[in-house]
Amino acid sequence: MEATNTGYVIIDGEGRVIDANQNYALMSGHDKVEDIIGRQVTEWTAEYDLDRNADEIKKCAKQGISGTSG
């Protein structure tokens, strides 16, 4: 995950961060990956995008997919 130039995050079915790379941590406004592990991605999602984000998390959970990239 660290070799990519893009942000990458793995979330569980509830939208909590399981793992991420440093680029994603920085994109989400955090200094370290450790700062976001176990937290909901909606904590740093723009308000206008909360519904779409929640829908995508539900869709991924239903399909058994728990990873996304940013």
PDB file of N, CA and C in Angstrom:
ATOM      1  N   MET A   1       0.818  -1.200   0.000  1.00  0.00           N
ATOM      2  CA  MET A   1       0.000   0.000   0.000  1.00  0.00           C
ATOM      3  C   MET A   1       0.860   1.262   0.000  1.00  0.00           C
ATOM      4  N   GLU A   2       2.033   1.190   0.564  1.00  0.00           N
ATOM      5  CA  GLU A   2       2.873   2.382   0.641  1.00  0.00           C
ATOM      6  C   GLU A   2       3.524   2.727  -0.696  1.00  0.00           C
ATOM      7  N   ALA A   3       3.578   1.770  -1.613  1.00  0.00           N
ATOM      8  CA  ALA A   3       4.247   2.012  -2.890  1.00  0.00           C
ATOM      9  C   ALA A   3       3.413   2.859  -3.848  1.00  0.00           C
ATOM     10  N   THR A   4       2.132   3.002  -3.588  1.00  0.00           N
ATOM     11  CA  THR A   4       1.270   3.762  -4.484  1.00  0.00           C
ATOM     12  C   THR A   4       1.316   5.254  -4.158  1.00  0.00           C
ATOM     13  N   ASN A   5       1.070   6.076  -5.153  1.00  0.00           N
ATOM     14  CA  ASN A   5       1.038   7.529  -4.961  1.00  0.00           C
ATOM     15  C   ASN A   5      -0.332   8.021  -4.515  1.00  0.00           C
ATOM     16  N   THR A   6      -1.255   7.125  -4.375  1.00  0.00           N
ATOM     17  CA  THR A   6      -2.615   7.498  -4.001  1.00  0.00           C
ATOM     18  C   THR A   6      -2.909   7.045  -2.576  1.00  0.00           C
ATOM     19  N   GLY A   7      -3.967   7.599  -2.015  1.00  0.00           N
ATOM     20  CA  GLY A   7      -4.395   7.161  -0.701  1.00  0.00           C
ATOM     21  C   GLY A   7      -5.107   5.826  -0.803  1.00  0.00           C
ATOM     22  N   TYR A   8      -4.905   4.976   0.172  1.00  0.00           N
ATOM     23  CA  TYR A   8      -5.529   3.666   0.189  1.00  0.00           C
ATOM     24  C   TYR A   8      -5.951   3.357   1.607  1.00  0.00           C
ATOM     25  N   VAL A   9      -7.199   2.880   1.748  1.00  0.00           N
ATOM     26  CA  VAL A   9      -7.716   2.559   3.068  1.00  0.00           C
ATOM     27  C   VAL A   9      -8.519   1.270   2.991  1.00  0.00           C
ATOM     28  N   ILE A  10      -8.442   0.477   4.041  1.00  0.00           N
ATOM     29  CA  ILE A  10      -9.266  -0.720   4.190  1.00  0.00           C
ATOM     30  C   ILE A  10     -10.189  -0.453   5.365  1.00  0.00           C
ATOM     31  N   ILE A  11     -11.490  -0.616   5.126  1.00  0.00           N
ATOM     32  CA  ILE A  11     -12.484  -0.359   6.176  1.00  0.00           C
ATOM     33  C   ILE A  11     -13.303  -1.614   6.431  1.00  0.00           C
ATOM     34  N   ASP A  12     -13.927  -1.655   7.592  1.00  0.00           N
ATOM     35  CA  ASP A  12     -14.837  -2.762   7.876  1.00  0.00           C
ATOM     36  C   ASP A  12     -16.244  -2.375   7.437  1.00  0.00           C
ATOM     37  N   GLY A  13     -17.196  -3.231   7.661  1.00  0.00           N
ATOM     38  CA  GLY A  13     -18.570  -3.007   7.224  1.00  0.00           C
ATOM     39  C   GLY A  13     -19.264  -1.842   7.900  1.00  0.00           C
ATOM     40  N   GLU A  14     -18.692  -1.340   8.964  1.00  0.00           N
ATOM     41  CA  GLU A  14     -19.250  -0.190   9.675  1.00  0.00           C
ATOM     42  C   GLU A  14     -18.555   1.113   9.286  1.00  0.00           C
ATOM     43  N   GLY A  15     -17.558   1.018   8.396  1.00  0.00           N
ATOM     44  CA  GLY A  15     -16.847   2.212   7.960  1.00  0.00           C
ATOM     45  C   GLY A  15     -15.676   2.604   8.835  1.00  0.00           C
ATOM     46  N   ARG A  16     -15.234   1.681   9.693  1.00  0.00           N
ATOM     47  CA  ARG A  16     -14.066   1.941  10.543  1.00  0.00           C
ATOM     48  C   ARG A  16     -12.792   1.534   9.804  1.00  0.00           C
ATOM     49  N   VAL A  17     -11.755   2.315   9.974  1.00  0.00           N
ATOM     50  CA  VAL A  17     -10.485   2.052   9.319  1.00  0.00           C
ATOM     51  C   VAL A  17      -9.795   0.851   9.962  1.00  0.00           C
ATOM     52  N   ILE A  18      -9.480  -0.139   9.134  1.00  0.00           N
ATOM     53  CA  ILE A  18      -8.723  -1.308   9.573  1.00  0.00           C
ATOM     54  C   ILE A  18      -7.240  -1.081   9.279  1.00  0.00           C
ATOM     55  N   ASP A  19      -6.963  -0.533   8.094  1.00  0.00           N
ATOM     56  CA  ASP A  19      -5.593  -0.245   7.695  1.00  0.00           C
ATOM     57  C   ASP A  19      -5.630   0.847   6.633  1.00  0.00           C
ATOM     58  N   ALA A  20      -4.533   1.535   6.475  1.00  0.00           N
ATOM     59  CA  ALA A  20      -4.434   2.602   5.478  1.00  0.00           C
ATOM     60  C   ALA A  20      -2.963   2.863   5.210  1.00  0.00           C
ATOM     61  N   ASN A  21      -2.690   3.586   4.146  1.00  0.00           N
ATOM     62  CA  ASN A  21      -1.308   4.000   3.927  1.00  0.00           C
ATOM     63  C   ASN A  21      -1.131   5.449   4.378  1.00  0.00           C
ATOM     64  N   GLN A  22       0.114   5.889   4.401  1.00  0.00           N
ATOM     65  CA  GLN A  22       0.426   7.229   4.876  1.00  0.00           C
ATOM     66  C   GLN A  22      -0.234   8.303   4.013  1.00  0.00           C
ATOM     67  N   ASN A  23      -0.321   8.079   2.703  1.00  0.00           N
ATOM     68  CA  ASN A  23      -0.968   9.060   1.824  1.00  0.00           C
ATOM     69  C   ASN A  23      -2.431   9.262   2.209  1.00  0.00           C
ATOM     70  N   TYR A  24      -3.127   8.192   2.535  1.00  0.00           N
ATOM     71  CA  TYR A  24      -4.527   8.344   2.941  1.00  0.00           C
ATOM     72  C   TYR A  24      -4.619   9.113   4.256  1.00  0.00           C
ATOM     73  N   ALA A  25      -3.737   8.795   5.198  1.00  0.00           N
ATOM     74  CA  ALA A  25      -3.752   9.521   6.482  1.00  0.00           C
ATOM     75  C   ALA A  25      -3.596  11.020   6.230  1.00  0.00           C
ATOM     76  N   LEU A  26      -2.652  11.387   5.392  1.00  0.00           N
ATOM     77  CA  LEU A  26      -2.438  12.804   5.093  1.00  0.00           C
ATOM     78  C   LEU A  26      -3.638  13.412   4.373  1.00  0.00           C
ATOM     79  N   MET A  27      -4.225  12.665   3.426  1.00  0.00           N
ATOM     80  CA  MET A  27      -5.402  13.161   2.695  1.00  0.00           C
ATOM     81  C   MET A  27      -6.575  13.396   3.631  1.00  0.00           C
ATOM     82  N   SER A  28      -6.648  12.609   4.693  1.00  0.00           N
ATOM     83  CA  SER A  28      -7.762  12.731   5.632  1.00  0.00           C
ATOM     84  C   SER A  28      -7.486  13.762   6.726  1.00  0.00           C
ATOM     85  N   GLY A  29      -6.343  14.428   6.636  1.00  0.00           N
ATOM     86  CA  GLY A  29      -6.031  15.479   7.591  1.00  0.00           C
ATOM     87  C   GLY A  29      -5.304  15.017   8.836  1.00  0.00           C
ATOM     88  N   HIS A  30      -4.688  13.842   8.771  1.00  0.00           N
ATOM     89  CA  HIS A  30      -3.997  13.280   9.931  1.00  0.00           C
ATOM     90  C   HIS A  30      -2.520  13.094   9.622  1.00  0.00           C
ATOM     91  N   ASP A  31      -1.713  13.110  10.653  1.00  0.00           N
ATOM     92  CA  ASP A  31      -0.272  12.981  10.477  1.00  0.00           C
ATOM     93  C   ASP A  31       0.198  11.541  10.309  1.00  0.00           C
ATOM     94  N   LYS A  32      -0.465  10.620  11.027  1.00  0.00           N
ATOM     95  CA  LYS A  32      -0.018   9.227  11.038  1.00  0.00           C
ATOM     96  C   LYS A  32      -1.193   8.286  10.821  1.00  0.00           C
ATOM     97  N   VAL A  33      -0.900   7.128  10.249  1.00  0.00           N
ATOM     98  CA  VAL A  33      -1.915   6.091  10.066  1.00  0.00           C
ATOM     99  C   VAL A  33      -2.514   5.702  11.412  1.00  0.00           C
ATOM    100  N   GLU A  34      -1.684   5.638  12.432  1.00  0.00           N
ATOM    101  CA  GLU A  34      -2.156   5.242  13.761  1.00  0.00           C
ATOM    102  C   GLU A  34      -3.261   6.168  14.283  1.00  0.00           C
ATOM    103  N   ASP A  35      -3.274   7.401  13.788  1.00  0.00           N
ATOM    104  CA  ASP A  35      -4.290   8.369  14.226  1.00  0.00           C
ATOM    105  C   ASP A  35      -5.696   8.035  13.714  1.00  0.00           C
ATOM    106  N   ILE A  36      -5.781   7.195  12.682  1.00  0.00           N
ATOM    107  CA  ILE A  36      -7.096   6.925  12.086  1.00  0.00           C
ATOM    108  C   ILE A  36      -7.563   5.484  12.254  1.00  0.00           C
ATOM    109  N   ILE A  37      -6.681   4.579  12.669  1.00  0.00           N
ATOM    110  CA  ILE A  37      -7.065   3.177  12.843  1.00  0.00           C
ATOM    111  C   ILE A  37      -8.198   3.081  13.866  1.00  0.00           C
ATOM    112  N   GLY A  38      -9.252   2.377  13.489  1.00  0.00           N
ATOM    113  CA  GLY A  38     -10.393   2.172  14.381  1.00  0.00           C
ATOM    114  C   GLY A  38     -11.431   3.284  14.345  1.00  0.00           C
ATOM    115  N   ARG A  39     -11.141   4.358  13.624  1.00  0.00           N
ATOM    116  CA  ARG A  39     -12.086   5.485  13.555  1.00  0.00           C
ATOM    117  C   ARG A  39     -12.945   5.389  12.305  1.00  0.00           C
ATOM    118  N   GLN A  40     -14.092   6.018  12.353  1.00  0.00           N
ATOM    119  CA  GLN A  40     -15.032   6.047  11.226  1.00  0.00           C
ATOM    120  C   GLN A  40     -14.533   7.011  10.152  1.00  0.00           C
ATOM    121  N   VAL A  41     -14.560   6.582   8.887  1.00  0.00           N
ATOM    122  CA  VAL A  41     -14.137   7.475   7.804  1.00  0.00           C
ATOM    123  C   VAL A  41     -15.054   8.687   7.691  1.00  0.00           C
ATOM    124  N   THR A  42     -16.274   8.577   8.193  1.00  0.00           N
ATOM    125  CA  THR A  42     -17.194   9.717   8.131  1.00  0.00           C
ATOM    126  C   THR A  42     -16.765  10.862   9.040  1.00  0.00           C
ATOM    127  N   GLU A  43     -15.832  10.608   9.950  1.00  0.00           N
ATOM    128  CA  GLU A  43     -15.342  11.671  10.829  1.00  0.00           C
ATOM    129  C   GLU A  43     -14.648  12.777  10.040  1.00  0.00           C
ATOM    130  N   TRP A  44     -14.074  12.456   8.895  1.00  0.00           N
ATOM    131  CA  TRP A  44     -13.372  13.459   8.089  1.00  0.00           C
ATOM    132  C   TRP A  44     -13.951  13.569   6.685  1.00  0.00           C
ATOM    133  N   THR A  45     -15.136  13.005   6.489  1.00  0.00           N
ATOM    134  CA  THR A  45     -15.833  13.144   5.209  1.00  0.00           C
ATOM    135  C   THR A  45     -16.548  14.493   5.188  1.00  0.00           C
ATOM    136  N   ALA A  46     -16.448  15.172   4.066  1.00  0.00           N
ATOM    137  CA  ALA A  46     -17.139  16.462   3.930  1.00  0.00           C
ATOM    138  C   ALA A  46     -18.636  16.269   4.127  1.00  0.00           C
ATOM    139  N   GLU A  47     -19.268  17.218   4.785  1.00  0.00           N
ATOM    140  CA  GLU A  47     -20.686  17.106   5.117  1.00  0.00           C
ATOM    141  C   GLU A  47     -21.553  16.828   3.889  1.00  0.00           C
ATOM    142  N   TYR A  48     -21.248  17.480   2.772  1.00  0.00           N
ATOM    143  CA  TYR A  48     -22.045  17.298   1.556  1.00  0.00           C
ATOM    144  C   TYR A  48     -21.911  15.886   0.988  1.00  0.00           C
ATOM    145  N   ASP A  49     -20.906  15.134   1.436  1.00  0.00           N
ATOM    146  CA  ASP A  49     -20.648  13.808   0.881  1.00  0.00           C
ATOM    147  C   ASP A  49     -20.962  12.678   1.867  1.00  0.00           C
ATOM    148  N   LEU A  50     -21.508  13.003   3.033  1.00  0.00           N
ATOM    149  CA  LEU A  50     -21.762  11.987   4.056  1.00  0.00           C
ATOM    150  C   LEU A  50     -22.741  10.913   3.599  1.00  0.00           C
ATOM    151  N   ASP A  51     -23.842  11.302   2.972  1.00  0.00           N
ATOM    152  CA  ASP A  51     -24.837  10.314   2.539  1.00  0.00           C
ATOM    153  C   ASP A  51     -24.264   9.371   1.488  1.00  0.00           C
ATOM    154  N   ARG A  52     -23.551   9.927   0.513  1.00  0.00           N
ATOM    155  CA  ARG A  52     -22.963   9.089  -0.538  1.00  0.00           C
ATOM    156  C   ARG A  52     -21.928   8.148   0.072  1.00  0.00           C
ATOM    157  N   ASN A  53     -21.118   8.656   0.979  1.00  0.00           N
ATOM    158  CA  ASN A  53     -20.109   7.841   1.628  1.00  0.00           C
ATOM    159  C   ASN A  53     -20.755   6.690   2.400  1.00  0.00           C
ATOM    160  N   ALA A  54     -21.788   6.988   3.173  1.00  0.00           N
ATOM    161  CA  ALA A  54     -22.494   5.959   3.945  1.00  0.00           C
ATOM    162  C   ALA A  54     -23.109   4.923   3.019  1.00  0.00           C
ATOM    163  N   ASP A  55     -23.673   5.354   1.902  1.00  0.00           N
ATOM    164  CA  ASP A  55     -24.257   4.421   0.934  1.00  0.00           C
ATOM    165  C   ASP A  55     -23.198   3.495   0.338  1.00  0.00           C
ATOM    166  N   GLU A  56     -22.032   4.048   0.036  1.00  0.00           N
ATOM    167  CA  GLU A  56     -20.946   3.243  -0.524  1.00  0.00           C
ATOM    168  C   GLU A  56     -20.438   2.224   0.487  1.00  0.00           C
ATOM    169  N   ILE A  57     -20.333   2.608   1.749  1.00  0.00           N
ATOM    170  CA  ILE A  57     -19.907   1.676   2.789  1.00  0.00           C
ATOM    171  C   ILE A  57     -20.903   0.530   2.900  1.00  0.00           C
ATOM    172  N   LYS A  58     -22.193   0.841   2.897  1.00  0.00           N
ATOM    173  CA  LYS A  58     -23.232  -0.193   2.971  1.00  0.00           C
ATOM    174  C   LYS A  58     -23.165  -1.116   1.770  1.00  0.00           C
ATOM    175  N   LYS A  59     -22.990  -0.537   0.583  1.00  0.00           N
ATOM    176  CA  LYS A  59     -22.927  -1.331  -0.645  1.00  0.00           C
ATOM    177  C   LYS A  59     -21.723  -2.280  -0.598  1.00  0.00           C
ATOM    178  N   CYS A  60     -20.580  -1.784  -0.190  1.00  0.00           N
ATOM    179  CA  CYS A  60     -19.385  -2.620  -0.092  1.00  0.00           C
ATOM    180  C   CYS A  60     -19.571  -3.731   0.932  1.00  0.00           C
ATOM    181  N   ALA A  61     -20.149  -3.409   2.073  1.00  0.00           N
ATOM    182  CA  ALA A  61     -20.380  -4.406   3.115  1.00  0.00           C
ATOM    183  C   ALA A  61     -21.319  -5.493   2.612  1.00  0.00           C
ATOM    184  N   LYS A  62     -22.358  -5.101   1.901  1.00  0.00           N
ATOM    185  CA  LYS A  62     -23.329  -6.060   1.377  1.00  0.00           C
ATOM    186  C   LYS A  62     -22.676  -7.000   0.358  1.00  0.00           C
ATOM    187  N   GLN A  63     -21.748  -6.465  -0.424  1.00  0.00           N
ATOM    188  CA  GLN A  63     -21.071  -7.250  -1.450  1.00  0.00           C
ATOM    189  C   GLN A  63     -19.853  -7.988  -0.901  1.00  0.00           C
ATOM    190  N   GLY A  64     -19.530  -7.739   0.363  1.00  0.00           N
ATOM    191  CA  GLY A  64     -18.377  -8.392   0.961  1.00  0.00           C
ATOM    192  C   GLY A  64     -17.063  -7.726   0.604  1.00  0.00           C
ATOM    193  N   ILE A  65     -17.127  -6.485   0.166  1.00  0.00           N
ATOM    194  CA  ILE A  65     -15.927  -5.730  -0.177  1.00  0.00           C
ATOM    195  C   ILE A  65     -15.673  -4.753   0.967  1.00  0.00           C
ATOM    196  N   SER A  66     -14.452  -4.723   1.470  1.00  0.00           N
ATOM    197  CA  SER A  66     -14.201  -3.828   2.593  1.00  0.00           C
ATOM    198  C   SER A  66     -13.054  -2.860   2.349  1.00  0.00           C
ATOM    199  N   GLY A  67     -12.630  -2.700   1.118  1.00  0.00           N
ATOM    200  CA  GLY A  67     -11.537  -1.786   0.838  1.00  0.00           C
ATOM    201  C   GLY A  67     -11.942  -0.721  -0.153  1.00  0.00           C
ATOM    202  N   THR A  68     -11.283   0.410  -0.078  1.00  0.00           N
ATOM    203  CA  THR A  68     -11.537   1.505  -1.023  1.00  0.00           C
ATOM    204  C   THR A  68     -10.265   2.316  -1.156  1.00  0.00           C
ATOM    205  N   SER A  69     -10.158   3.042  -2.217  1.00  0.00           N
ATOM    206  CA  SER A  69      -8.999   3.913  -2.377  1.00  0.00           C
ATOM    207  C   SER A  69      -9.483   5.320  -2.601  1.00  0.00           C
ATOM    208  N   GLY A  70      -8.630   6.285  -2.348  1.00  0.00           N
ATOM    209  CA  GLY A  70      -9.031   7.669  -2.479  1.00  0.00           C
ATOM    210  C   GLY A  70      -8.128   8.447  -3.378  1.00  0.00           C
TER     211      GLY A  70
END
